[in-house]
Protein backbone atom coordinates (compact mmCIF):
# COMPACT_ATOMS: atom_id res chain seq x y z
CA MET A 1 -69.96 41.56 -11.85
CA LYS A 2 -68.56 41.73 -8.54
CA LYS A 3 -64.64 41.55 -9.67
CA LEU A 4 -65.27 44.75 -11.92
CA GLU A 5 -67.51 46.65 -8.86
CA VAL A 6 -64.14 45.72 -6.64
CA LEU A 7 -62.04 47.06 -9.10
CA LYS A 8 -63.92 50.04 -9.89
CA ASN A 9 -64.06 51.13 -5.59
CA VAL A 10 -60.22 50.18 -5.72
CA THR A 11 -59.45 53.11 -8.24
CA SER A 12 -61.91 55.00 -7.14
CA ALA A 13 -60.20 55.49 -3.72
CA ASN A 14 -56.72 55.48 -5.55
CA ASP A 15 -57.47 58.48 -7.73
CA ALA A 16 -59.23 60.58 -4.74
CA ILE A 17 -55.48 59.98 -3.10
CA ALA A 18 -53.77 60.69 -6.25
CA ALA A 19 -56.12 63.69 -6.82
CA GLN A 20 -54.63 65.16 -2.65
CA ASN A 21 -51.05 64.24 -4.12
CA THR A 22 -51.69 66.36 -7.07
CA GLN A 23 -52.80 69.24 -4.78
CA VAL A 24 -49.77 68.83 -2.28
CA LEU A 25 -47.45 68.54 -5.48
CA ASP A 26 -49.40 71.88 -6.86
CA LYS A 27 -48.31 73.65 -3.86
CA HIS A 28 -44.84 73.58 -3.81
CA GLY A 29 -45.16 74.32 -7.70
CA ILE A 30 -43.81 70.88 -8.55
CA LEU A 31 -43.91 68.99 -11.33
CA ALA A 32 -43.96 65.21 -11.29
CA ILE A 33 -43.71 62.88 -13.94
CA ASN A 34 -44.68 59.09 -13.82
CA LEU A 35 -42.02 56.93 -15.70
CA MET A 36 -43.21 53.71 -16.84
CA SER A 37 -41.93 51.06 -19.18
CA SER A 38 -40.67 46.94 -19.12
CA PRO A 39 -38.12 45.89 -17.25
CA GLY A 40 -34.73 46.69 -18.12
CA SER A 41 -35.73 49.54 -20.89
CA GLY A 42 -33.46 51.95 -19.31
CA LYS A 43 -35.91 54.28 -16.57
CA THR A 44 -33.13 54.50 -13.94
CA SER A 45 -30.87 55.67 -16.63
CA LEU A 46 -32.66 58.16 -18.18
CA ILE A 47 -33.10 59.62 -14.43
CA LEU A 48 -29.53 59.75 -13.87
CA LYS A 49 -29.25 61.18 -17.34
CA THR A 50 -32.09 64.20 -16.37
CA ILE A 51 -30.30 64.52 -13.38
CA GLU A 52 -26.63 64.99 -14.74
CA HIS A 53 -28.36 67.80 -17.81
CA PHE A 54 -29.80 69.90 -14.95
CA LYS A 55 -27.19 69.68 -12.28
CA GLY A 56 -27.40 73.37 -10.79
CA GLU A 57 -30.25 74.56 -12.69
CA LEU A 58 -33.32 72.60 -11.69
CA ARG A 59 -33.73 71.09 -8.06
CA LEU A 60 -34.87 67.12 -8.77
CA ALA A 61 -36.55 64.67 -6.38
CA VAL A 62 -36.84 60.93 -6.95
CA ILE A 63 -39.16 58.56 -5.65
CA GLU A 64 -38.08 54.67 -7.08
CA GLY A 65 -40.61 51.87 -6.84
CA ASP A 66 -39.41 48.43 -7.26
CA VAL A 67 -40.68 44.81 -6.44
CA ALA A 68 -37.49 44.62 -3.95
CA SER A 69 -33.95 46.14 -3.03
CA LYS A 70 -33.11 49.65 -3.19
CA ILE A 71 -30.25 49.05 -5.65
CA ASP A 72 -31.66 52.29 -8.11
CA ALA A 73 -31.83 54.28 -5.13
CA ASP A 74 -28.63 54.13 -4.51
CA ARG A 75 -27.51 55.06 -7.69
CA ILE A 76 -29.73 57.68 -7.46
CA ASP A 77 -28.55 58.93 -3.87
CA LYS A 78 -25.17 58.83 -5.00
CA GLN A 79 -25.93 62.06 -6.83
CA GLY A 80 -26.87 63.54 -3.88
CA VAL A 81 -30.53 64.23 -5.01
CA PRO A 82 -33.14 63.16 -2.20
CA VAL A 83 -34.57 59.58 -2.96
CA VAL A 84 -37.56 57.37 -1.62
CA GLN A 85 -37.27 53.97 -2.23
CA ILE A 86 -40.50 52.03 -2.07
CA ASN A 87 -40.87 48.38 -2.48
CA THR A 88 -44.15 47.00 -3.54
CA GLY A 89 -43.35 43.60 -1.61
CA GLY A 90 -44.60 42.16 -4.53
CA SER A 91 -47.59 44.11 -6.23
CA CYS A 92 -46.97 45.09 -9.67
CA SER A 93 -47.55 48.37 -9.53
CA LEU A 94 -46.90 52.03 -7.22
CA GLU A 95 -50.06 53.22 -6.20
CA ALA A 96 -51.26 56.55 -4.79
CA HIS A 97 -51.49 56.02 -1.45
CA MET A 98 -47.48 54.39 -1.25
CA VAL A 99 -46.36 58.14 -3.18
CA THR A 100 -48.65 60.28 -0.38
CA SER A 101 -45.95 58.11 2.22
CA ALA A 102 -42.81 59.09 0.40
CA LEU A 103 -44.01 62.51 -0.20
CA ASP A 104 -43.67 62.72 3.66
CA LYS A 105 -40.52 62.20 3.47
CA LEU A 106 -38.95 64.21 1.10
CA PRO A 107 -37.87 67.79 1.37
CA LEU A 108 -40.58 69.25 -1.10
CA GLU A 109 -39.88 72.95 -0.15
CA ARG A 110 -36.45 72.47 -1.88
CA ALA A 111 -37.62 70.84 -5.69
CA ASP A 112 -38.72 71.82 -8.94
CA ILE A 113 -39.28 68.13 -10.58
CA LEU A 114 -40.39 65.40 -9.15
CA LEU A 115 -39.29 62.08 -11.29
CA ILE A 116 -41.47 58.96 -10.39
CA GLU A 117 -39.64 55.89 -11.67
CA ASN A 118 -42.59 52.86 -11.55
CA VAL A 119 -42.63 49.33 -11.17
CA GLY A 120 -40.89 47.48 -14.67
CA ASN A 121 -44.37 46.60 -15.69
CA LEU A 122 -46.14 47.55 -19.07
CA ILE A 123 -49.92 46.40 -17.96
CA CYS A 124 -50.05 47.55 -14.13
CA PRO A 125 -49.07 51.04 -13.65
CA ALA A 126 -51.19 52.27 -16.68
CA GLU A 127 -54.53 51.63 -14.37
CA PHE A 128 -53.25 54.09 -11.07
CA THR A 129 -52.51 57.54 -11.79
CA LEU A 130 -50.38 58.67 -8.36
CA GLY A 131 -51.03 62.23 -8.99
CA GLU A 132 -47.94 63.30 -11.49
CA HIS A 133 -49.10 66.03 -13.89
CA LYS A 134 -47.46 63.88 -16.81
CA LYS A 135 -46.98 60.42 -17.77
CA VAL A 136 -44.07 58.78 -20.05
CA VAL A 137 -43.79 54.99 -21.18
CA ILE A 138 -40.25 54.30 -22.43
CA SER A 139 -39.71 51.48 -24.03
CA SER A 140 -36.43 50.60 -25.39
CA ILE A 141 -34.40 48.94 -29.06
CA PRO A 142 -34.74 45.79 -27.90
CA GLU A 143 -37.54 45.10 -26.57
CA GLY A 144 -39.07 44.96 -30.17
CA ASP A 145 -41.46 47.16 -31.94
CA ASP A 146 -44.83 45.36 -31.25
CA LYS A 147 -45.53 46.57 -27.80
CA PRO A 148 -48.32 49.24 -28.62
CA LEU A 149 -50.31 46.47 -30.33
CA LYS A 150 -49.44 44.08 -26.94
CA TYR A 151 -50.28 46.76 -24.47
CA PRO A 152 -52.22 49.37 -25.53
CA LEU A 153 -53.44 51.30 -22.69
CA MET A 154 -49.86 52.55 -21.34
CA PHE A 155 -49.35 54.06 -24.57
CA THR A 156 -52.73 55.10 -25.01
CA GLU A 157 -52.56 57.05 -21.54
CA ALA A 158 -49.35 58.17 -22.03
CA ASP A 159 -48.08 61.69 -22.42
CA VAL A 160 -45.17 61.22 -24.03
CA LEU A 161 -43.33 57.86 -25.55
CA VAL A 162 -39.23 57.80 -25.10
CA ILE A 163 -37.88 55.32 -27.58
CA ASN A 164 -34.95 54.45 -25.87
CA LYS A 165 -31.24 53.00 -26.82
CA ILE A 166 -31.60 54.27 -29.93
CA ASP A 167 -27.79 53.75 -30.62
CA LEU A 168 -28.75 50.01 -30.31
CA LEU A 169 -30.91 50.68 -33.77
CA SER A 170 -28.44 49.14 -36.24
CA HIS A 171 -28.28 45.65 -34.13
CA PHE A 172 -32.26 44.76 -34.15
CA GLU A 173 -35.05 44.56 -36.28
CA PHE A 174 -36.83 47.55 -35.15
CA ASP A 175 -39.05 49.41 -37.33
CA VAL A 176 -38.88 53.20 -35.65
CA THR A 177 -41.42 54.33 -38.24
CA GLY A 178 -44.17 51.33 -37.91
CA PHE A 179 -43.19 52.19 -34.11
CA ARG A 180 -44.16 55.80 -34.79
CA LYS A 181 -47.66 55.06 -36.69
CA ALA A 182 -48.92 52.35 -34.22
CA VAL A 183 -48.63 54.85 -30.97
CA LYS A 184 -49.88 57.60 -32.88
CA GLY A 185 -53.21 55.42 -34.07
CA LEU A 186 -53.74 55.01 -30.43
CA ASN A 187 -52.59 58.17 -29.26
CA PRO A 188 -52.59 61.52 -31.53
CA THR A 189 -51.27 63.76 -29.12
CA ILE A 190 -48.78 61.73 -27.58
CA GLU A 191 -45.19 63.43 -28.00
CA VAL A 192 -42.20 61.31 -28.84
CA PHE A 193 -38.10 61.38 -27.79
CA GLU A 194 -35.74 59.08 -29.46
CA VAL A 195 -32.85 59.30 -26.68
CA SER A 196 -29.61 57.36 -26.28
CA CYS A 197 -28.55 57.55 -22.47
CA LYS A 198 -24.95 56.19 -23.53
CA THR A 199 -24.29 58.31 -26.40
CA GLY A 200 -26.43 61.19 -24.95
CA VAL A 201 -28.54 61.43 -28.19
CA GLY A 202 -31.79 63.56 -27.49
CA ILE A 203 -31.62 63.89 -23.65
CA GLN A 204 -31.10 67.76 -24.76
CA ALA A 205 -34.65 67.62 -26.44
CA TRP A 206 -35.95 65.59 -23.35
CA CYS A 207 -35.11 67.63 -20.48
CA SER A 208 -35.67 71.03 -22.41
CA TRP A 209 -39.67 69.23 -22.69
CA ILE A 210 -39.16 68.79 -18.95
CA ALA A 211 -38.32 72.53 -18.45
CA ASP A 212 -41.17 73.55 -20.70
CA GLU A 213 -43.77 71.98 -18.79
CA LEU A 214 -42.64 73.19 -15.84
CA ARG A 215 -42.24 76.76 -16.94
CA LYS A 216 -46.10 76.62 -18.23
CA LYS A 217 -46.90 75.23 -14.92
CA ARG A 218 -45.91 77.63 -12.77
CA ALA A 219 -47.19 80.00 -15.59
């Protein structure tokens, strides 16, 4: 019982800070998207493709979350996009107070979209809201099609599912139809995009969704 009470207190405190983050983002008219997945699914690659697509059209900023290193942040920085690295030092997820500190370091007055790359993990990130407007889970073909059954909370909480590395479909046993059905069984309203960051397939549809969500928010 005590463990449950402690967890409830932790998540309640996190939610309060997340609400403050949302207010800051709303004040600047920014759409914030929380990207969650297991390691190696292609979060950074999707961010880079999104930056490339919106170059000269919309202004992006990025928060990079990792246990250690700034490898991904350096890749983003080379694209001329404002980026803040958060190293959790062992924690399996970003938390709202970490995002608060990162927001203080970003030029929010010069951003339209904030992409938050969460720590690679299919459990913890689903439990902590950060103040984002949309949650996106990325699942890649090489990971297999059983993830919704093993990690249901992640797919239940997400607004969008991106099936990445679709170009590798012929090399793996991955039942896309069954995968979609399993996810829709958990979350009937989730939107699904099939993409390949290597070939560019599906990137247009993914970015059109982002642009539409930004328009809705500002309307």
